[in-house]
Structure formats: structure tokens, C-alpha cells
């Protein structure tokens, strides 16, 4: 069974690949997405051939390693670098003091051993869906669950340095899950000012780049995103813009028409959220060029930095 997207869905309908970003894109995702023009000039875009309480920790403590999920893949990828003084908030400056950010590391390294539990259906408002999935992996076996925990922990460090209170949906501290409905509920109960779910995609070789998934305006069953759809788009535009600028990565060449933004109504983690929330697919683990980035500790630090700066700029408004 092949994996596509954060909730094991069929992919969005494919659209023809477009050329460099247009004026419309620049207007949609402000200034920072113009960094893609630089990327086009200097980089090869790869060419398209086709149930628990949230976990938190005190600022300044080092993130712990998840049981059975190393911070970097075996086989020579760099170990994770911690941010230096130049990449952190100015001493004494805490622009996010009083803000709560919920970070959702997609999937769980233990899901693979609990298929019965994660395959049970849960209500996502619009319909029912599997509790969770195992996620995808690179061709060399570096899993999405390992990747998401590593980036999430780096992101937590950066946000805490800005004064935010950061809560996780899971930190490698539970044997499986949580289910997608609980992941949304954790952000809601924390009254988060912003929430983000970290993922990496499992598309075809040649499909490259990142995309940020925004909630559609949904009002059905337990789902009502009408109040948070606008703020979530604002959050997503900030994250997409800063992710381009910091990582140099291109917006997806297979969804989003080159904008790096995709709207979906079929994800329980978004449908059930009552706080501004987005997903980010940081790249395609099945493409060899994207995989080389995703398995690099130094690139994962840039990914965390780009996401952090997007959240900071959104919250400072």
C-alpha cells in the first residue's frame, strides 16, 4: 500500500507544471516566496517526470531522543546541529512571551507495530478515517516519523528561545498515535495561538519541493473551520514564505500550481481544529534529490528555522 500525504489520502488532482512564479503567486505569498526566483536561477529544480496529554518541557533543556528513532539516519548523514547565538533571539528579547504553539510531529515511530490500533476509524467531521498511518520513508529506510520528530524538536528549541510555550502532540513518549482527532484536540485544549503539523511526502520520483496544507472552510458534523480558515491561511503564507527564504527549497512542482499552498478538506487534524493550524510537507522522501536534503542534519535545522520564523512573523502580526 503506497503512502501519499499526511492522512494516507489519494493525491490532489495533478495539474500541469507551470513556469517561474507569477505575479499572482507573489501576491498570494508575500515577498519571501520571491526567493524561489533565486532558487530557479542557481539550483536544479529536479524536473518533473511526472490518547495522552500534550508533552512539553522547560526552555533550555535539551530534547531527548525518542526510543528507537535516531535523530539522524544511519549511513553518514550529518548529526543535528543546535542553533548558534546568531540564529536565536537577541538576549533578553522574548517576542513570543505568553504565546502557545502546538507542534504535531506527524505519525509515530511505533505505529508500525500497532497496525490494528492505527487502522481503526475515527470521526473527522466530514467522514471517518483511519486513526493514523505509519507514514512514508526514503528509499534507504529513513522514516517520516524519525524526520518529523527531529524537525519538531529543533523547532521547539527555536520557539522557546523566542519565549513561546511549546506543546507536542507526541514526543516519542507513547507506543503509537495519537489519532488524528486527538492531535487536533490537543491544540484546541491548549488554546494554541498557532499549531503546525510536520510531515514529509511520499510521492513519485521527480516530484519535488515542499507545500503547506491549509484548511478549507468546512462546516459539517464535528468540523467547523469557518472561524480559523482565514487565520490559518495567514499562518501558512508566512510559513511558506520563510521556508523558501531560509531553506532555498522550491515550492512543490506536483501540487499547488507553484504557490507552495494547497487547500484540503479531508484531513482530520485540520477539520477538527478550532485554532489556526497548517500542515507542512517539507519535501518528497521518495525523490532522491529531496531525500538528500531531508536526511541532512544541517538542512533539517534550516527547515526548523524557516518554520519557526514563519510562526514568529505570524504571531507578531
Protein backbone atom coordinates (compact mmCIF):
# COMPACT_ATOMS: atom_id res chain seq x y z
CA UNK A 1 0.00 0.00 0.00
CA UNK A 2 1.56 3.27 -1.09
CA UNK A 3 1.56 6.37 1.06
CA UNK A 4 0.53 9.81 -0.19
CA UNK A 5 0.02 12.78 2.10
CA UNK A 6 -0.26 13.11 5.85
CA UNK A 7 -3.52 11.18 6.33
CA UNK A 8 -2.99 8.43 3.73
CA UNK A 9 -5.21 10.09 1.14
CA UNK A 10 -5.31 9.93 -2.59
CA UNK A 11 -3.29 12.82 -4.02
CA UNK A 12 -4.86 16.04 -5.15
CA UNK A 13 -5.63 16.01 -8.90
CA UNK A 14 -2.39 16.61 -10.75
CA UNK A 15 -2.03 19.85 -12.62
CA UNK A 16 0.41 20.73 -15.38
CA UNK A 17 3.68 22.08 -14.08
CA UNK A 18 3.97 25.81 -14.52
CA UNK A 19 6.95 28.03 -15.08
CA UNK A 20 8.53 30.52 -12.63
CA UNK A 21 6.28 32.12 -10.07
CA UNK A 22 3.80 34.62 -11.40
CA UNK A 23 2.69 37.98 -10.06
CA UNK A 24 -0.38 36.19 -8.68
CA UNK A 25 1.82 33.91 -6.57
CA UNK A 26 3.86 36.84 -5.31
CA UNK A 27 0.66 38.48 -4.16
CA UNK A 28 -0.61 35.31 -2.52
CA UNK A 29 2.50 34.52 -0.53
CA UNK A 30 4.17 37.86 0.14
CA UNK A 31 7.71 38.92 -0.67
CA UNK A 32 9.60 35.98 0.80
CA UNK A 33 8.34 33.49 -1.81
CA UNK A 34 10.14 35.54 -4.41
CA UNK A 35 13.21 33.73 -3.07
CA UNK A 36 12.08 30.91 -5.39
CA UNK A 37 13.24 33.04 -8.31
CA UNK A 38 16.73 32.88 -6.85
CA UNK A 39 16.34 29.14 -6.42
CA UNK A 40 15.37 28.80 -10.10
CA UNK A 41 18.49 30.71 -11.12
CA UNK A 42 21.02 28.79 -9.04
CA UNK A 43 19.58 25.35 -8.29
CA UNK A 44 18.40 22.32 -10.22
CA UNK A 45 14.70 22.02 -9.53
CA UNK A 46 14.88 18.32 -10.30
CA UNK A 47 12.47 18.42 -13.24
CA UNK A 48 9.05 16.84 -13.04
CA UNK A 49 8.78 13.40 -14.59
CA UNK A 50 5.57 13.00 -13.69
CA UNK A 51 -4.72 9.38 23.70
CA UNK A 52 -2.43 11.35 26.03
CA UNK A 53 -1.92 14.86 27.35
CA UNK A 54 0.36 17.12 25.31
CA UNK A 55 4.02 16.91 26.21
CA UNK A 56 6.08 19.98 26.96
CA UNK A 57 9.39 20.77 28.58
CA UNK A 58 11.09 23.72 30.16
CA UNK A 59 13.00 26.13 27.99
CA UNK A 60 16.71 25.47 27.89
CA UNK A 61 16.60 21.71 28.41
CA UNK A 62 17.92 19.55 25.62
CA UNK A 63 15.44 17.45 23.65
CA UNK A 64 15.59 13.75 24.41
CA UNK A 65 15.95 11.06 21.78
CA UNK A 66 12.86 9.04 21.01
CA UNK A 67 13.19 5.32 21.77
CA UNK A 68 14.04 3.55 18.54
CA UNK A 69 14.05 6.73 16.47
CA UNK A 70 17.52 8.26 15.97
CA UNK A 71 17.73 11.97 15.31
CA UNK A 72 19.54 11.35 12.04
CA UNK A 73 19.58 8.37 9.66
CA UNK A 74 22.27 5.74 9.67
CA UNK A 75 24.78 5.82 6.88
CA UNK A 76 26.63 9.08 7.25
CA UNK A 77 24.08 11.92 7.28
CA UNK A 78 25.16 14.78 9.48
CA UNK A 79 24.27 14.82 13.13
CA UNK A 80 21.86 17.57 14.15
CA UNK A 81 23.36 20.96 14.76
CA UNK A 82 21.91 23.11 17.51
CA UNK A 83 21.29 26.75 16.64
CA UNK A 84 24.08 29.16 17.50
CA UNK A 85 23.71 32.61 19.03
CA UNK A 86 23.37 34.29 15.64
CA UNK A 87 20.18 32.33 14.86
CA UNK A 88 18.41 32.88 18.16
CA UNK A 89 16.52 35.76 19.65
CA UNK A 90 18.51 38.70 20.91
CA UNK A 91 19.40 38.29 24.59
CA UNK A 92 16.53 39.44 26.74
CA UNK A 93 14.13 39.70 23.79
CA UNK A 94 11.16 37.35 24.07
CA UNK A 95 8.75 38.34 21.31
CA UNK A 96 6.57 35.25 21.83
CA UNK A 97 6.24 35.51 25.61
CA UNK A 98 2.72 34.43 26.55
CA UNK A 99 2.12 32.65 23.23
CA UNK A 100 1.33 28.94 22.99
CA UNK A 101 2.40 26.93 19.95
CA UNK A 102 1.37 23.30 19.48
CA UNK A 103 3.74 21.24 17.33
CA UNK A 104 2.47 17.96 15.90
CA UNK A 105 5.25 15.60 14.74
CA UNK A 106 3.41 13.58 12.09
CA UNK A 107 2.99 9.86 12.74
CA UNK A 108 4.88 7.93 15.43
CA UNK A 109 7.85 5.57 15.11
CA UNK A 110 5.85 2.92 16.99
CA UNK A 111 2.84 2.99 14.66
CA UNK A 112 4.34 0.21 12.54
CA UNK A 113 3.95 -2.18 15.49
CA UNK A 114 0.34 -1.19 16.21
CA UNK A 115 -1.46 -1.56 12.89
CA UNK A 116 -4.75 -2.69 14.45
CA UNK A 117 -4.90 0.40 16.66
CA UNK A 118 -3.99 2.92 13.95
CA UNK A 119 -6.29 1.36 11.35
CA UNK A 120 -9.45 1.86 13.40
CA UNK A 121 -11.70 4.61 12.08
CA UNK A 122 -12.25 7.94 13.83
CA UNK A 123 -14.67 10.77 13.07
CA UNK A 124 -13.06 13.71 11.25
CA UNK A 125 -16.26 15.69 10.85
CA UNK A 126 -16.73 15.25 7.12
CA UNK A 127 -16.44 11.44 7.29
CA UNK A 128 -14.50 8.74 9.11
CA UNK A 129 -10.87 7.92 8.54
CA UNK A 130 -8.02 5.78 9.87
CA UNK A 131 -6.74 6.86 13.30
CA UNK A 132 -3.24 7.37 11.87
CA UNK A 133 -0.76 5.81 9.43
CA UNK A 134 2.83 4.66 9.60
CA UNK A 135 3.96 7.45 7.29
CA UNK A 136 6.42 7.09 4.43
CA UNK A 137 10.22 6.75 4.23
CA UNK A 138 13.17 7.37 1.95
CA UNK A 139 14.31 4.56 -0.31
CA UNK A 140 17.16 3.96 2.15
CA UNK A 141 14.75 3.48 5.05
CA UNK A 142 14.84 6.82 6.90
CA UNK A 143 11.28 7.15 8.12
CA UNK A 144 8.96 10.09 8.06
CA UNK A 145 8.29 9.55 11.78
CA UNK A 146 12.01 9.94 12.54
CA UNK A 147 12.20 13.04 10.36
CA UNK A 148 9.17 14.74 11.91
CA UNK A 149 10.34 14.23 15.48
CA UNK A 150 13.80 15.59 14.69
CA UNK A 151 12.49 18.73 12.96
CA UNK A 152 9.84 19.23 15.66
CA UNK A 153 12.43 19.13 18.45
CA UNK A 154 14.64 21.63 16.62
CA UNK A 155 11.58 23.84 16.10
CA UNK A 156 10.70 23.63 19.80
CA UNK A 157 14.17 24.85 20.78
CA UNK A 158 13.93 27.83 18.44
CA UNK A 159 10.42 28.81 19.53
CA UNK A 160 11.26 28.51 23.22
CA UNK A 161 14.21 30.82 22.66
CA UNK A 162 11.65 33.34 21.39
CA UNK A 163 9.67 32.95 24.63
CA UNK A 164 6.87 30.68 23.38
CA UNK A 165 5.34 27.85 25.38
CA UNK A 166 5.59 24.82 23.09
CA UNK A 167 3.46 21.70 23.46
CA UNK A 168 3.82 18.49 21.47
CA UNK A 169 1.12 16.04 20.47
CA UNK A 170 3.69 13.27 20.96
CA UNK A 171 7.41 13.23 21.65
CA UNK A 172 8.28 9.57 21.08
CA UNK A 173 6.87 9.01 24.58
CA UNK A 174 3.93 6.80 23.64
CA UNK A 175 3.88 3.48 21.83
CA UNK A 176 1.61 4.63 18.99
CA UNK A 177 -0.58 7.53 17.88
CA UNK A 178 -2.21 9.76 18.87
CA UNK A 179 -5.08 9.52 16.40
CA UNK A 180 -5.70 12.47 14.10
CA UNK A 181 -8.76 13.61 16.06
CA UNK A 182 -6.78 13.66 19.31
CA UNK A 183 -3.96 15.58 17.64
CA UNK A 184 -6.46 18.32 16.79
CA UNK A 185 -7.99 18.18 20.27
CA UNK A 186 -4.60 18.71 21.93
CA UNK A 187 -4.16 22.02 20.10
CA UNK A 188 -7.73 23.06 20.91
CA UNK A 189 -7.41 22.28 24.61
CA UNK A 190 -4.12 24.18 24.79
CA UNK A 191 -5.87 27.24 23.28
CA UNK A 192 -2.89 27.44 20.94
CA UNK A 193 -2.13 30.71 19.21
CA UNK A 194 -0.77 28.62 16.33
CA UNK A 195 -0.45 24.91 15.58
CA UNK A 196 1.56 23.12 12.92
CA UNK A 197 1.83 19.50 11.86
CA UNK A 198 5.21 18.44 10.47
CA UNK A 199 5.32 15.91 7.60
CA UNK A 200 7.26 14.76 4.55
CA UNK A 201 5.52 13.40 1.47
CA UNK A 202 5.73 10.06 -0.33
CA UNK A 203 5.14 10.92 -3.98
CA UNK A 204 6.85 9.76 -7.19
CA UNK A 205 10.49 10.24 -8.15
CA UNK A 206 10.81 13.62 -9.87
CA UNK A 207 8.06 15.19 -7.76
CA UNK A 208 9.96 17.70 -5.67
CA UNK A 209 9.55 20.57 -3.25
CA UNK A 210 7.55 21.49 -0.17
CA UNK A 211 3.96 22.51 0.28
CA UNK A 212 1.87 23.89 3.12
CA UNK A 213 -1.63 22.48 3.54
CA UNK A 214 -4.35 24.92 4.62
CA UNK A 215 -7.79 24.04 5.99
CA UNK A 216 -10.74 24.57 3.70
CA UNK A 217 -13.79 26.30 5.12
CA UNK A 218 -15.72 23.28 6.38
CA UNK A 219 -18.97 23.14 8.33
CA UNK A 220 -20.16 19.57 8.67
CA UNK A 221 -20.66 17.24 11.61
CA UNK A 222 -17.97 17.84 14.22
CA UNK A 223 -15.97 20.01 11.82
CA UNK A 224 -16.30 23.79 11.67
CA UNK A 225 -13.25 25.62 10.36
CA UNK A 226 -15.04 28.75 9.23
CA UNK A 227 -13.54 30.88 12.01
CA UNK A 228 -9.98 29.62 11.62
CA UNK A 229 -9.69 29.21 7.84
CA UNK A 230 -8.58 32.82 7.32
CA UNK A 231 -6.01 32.97 10.15
CA UNK A 232 -4.72 29.54 9.09
CA UNK A 233 -4.11 30.82 5.56
CA UNK A 234 -2.22 33.77 7.03
CA UNK A 235 -0.11 31.36 9.10
CA UNK A 236 0.52 29.15 6.07
CA UNK A 237 1.60 32.04 3.87
CA UNK A 238 4.10 33.20 6.50
CA UNK A 239 5.48 29.68 6.94
CA UNK A 240 5.75 29.08 3.17
CA UNK A 241 7.49 32.38 2.56
CA UNK A 242 10.06 31.94 5.31
CA UNK A 243 10.61 28.26 4.44
CA UNK A 244 11.61 29.26 0.89
CA UNK A 245 13.85 32.03 2.11
CA UNK A 246 15.71 30.02 4.76
CA UNK A 247 15.99 26.61 3.09
CA UNK A 248 16.22 27.64 -0.57
CA UNK A 249 13.78 24.82 -1.33
CA UNK A 250 11.29 25.16 -4.16
CA UNK A 251 7.52 25.09 -3.78
CA UNK A 252 6.08 21.75 -4.91
CA UNK A 253 6.15 21.01 -8.63
CA UNK A 254 3.29 18.49 -8.36
CA UNK A 255 0.59 20.20 -6.26
CA UNK A 256 -0.28 23.82 -5.57
CA UNK A 257 0.43 25.31 -9.01
CA UNK A 258 3.82 26.56 -7.86
CA UNK A 259 2.46 28.51 -4.88
CA UNK A 260 3.57 26.08 -2.16
CA UNK A 261 0.00 26.25 -0.81
CA UNK A 262 -2.70 23.57 -1.01
CA UNK A 263 -6.23 23.74 0.48
CA UNK A 264 -7.76 20.45 1.69
CA UNK A 265 -10.99 19.45 3.40
CA UNK A 266 -10.19 15.79 4.06
CA UNK A 267 -7.68 15.96 6.92
CA UNK A 268 -8.99 15.39 10.44
CA UNK A 269 -6.11 17.29 12.00
CA UNK A 270 -7.32 20.43 10.20
CA UNK A 271 -11.08 19.82 10.07
CA UNK A 272 -11.35 19.41 13.83
CA UNK A 273 -9.06 22.28 14.77
CA UNK A 274 -10.51 25.36 16.46
CA UNK A 275 -7.16 27.20 16.44
CA UNK A 276 -5.10 28.43 13.45
CA UNK A 277 -3.36 25.35 12.10
CA UNK A 278 -1.50 24.16 9.00
CA UNK A 279 0.42 21.10 7.84
CA UNK A 280 3.78 21.33 6.10
CA UNK A 281 5.12 18.64 3.77
CA UNK A 282 8.81 19.55 3.88
CA UNK A 283 9.74 17.60 0.76
CA UNK A 284 9.27 14.28 -1.04
CA UNK A 285 11.06 11.41 0.67
CA UNK A 286 10.78 9.25 -2.46
CA UNK A 287 12.70 11.67 -4.67
CA UNK A 288 16.46 11.16 -4.40
CA UNK A 289 17.30 14.88 -4.50
CA UNK A 290 14.71 15.82 -1.89
CA UNK A 291 15.74 12.81 0.21
CA UNK A 292 19.34 14.05 0.26
CA UNK A 293 18.06 17.22 1.94
CA UNK A 294 15.64 15.52 4.31
CA UNK A 295 18.38 13.19 5.60
CA UNK A 296 20.80 16.07 6.22
CA UNK A 297 21.01 17.37 9.78
CA UNK A 298 22.10 20.81 8.62
CA UNK A 299 19.15 21.03 6.20
CA UNK A 300 16.71 19.90 8.90
CA UNK A 301 17.99 22.74 11.06
CA UNK A 302 17.24 25.16 8.22
CA UNK A 303 13.78 23.63 7.86
CA UNK A 304 13.09 24.19 11.55
CA UNK A 305 14.43 27.73 11.30
CA UNK A 306 12.21 28.55 8.32
CA UNK A 307 9.12 27.17 10.04
CA UNK A 308 9.99 29.00 13.26
CA UNK A 309 10.44 32.33 11.52
CA UNK A 310 7.12 31.90 9.75
CA UNK A 311 5.34 31.22 13.03
CA UNK A 312 7.08 34.16 14.72
CA UNK A 313 6.13 36.57 11.94
CA UNK A 314 2.52 35.31 12.02
CA UNK A 315 2.22 35.69 15.79
CA UNK A 316 3.82 39.12 15.81
CA UNK A 317 1.30 40.06 13.11
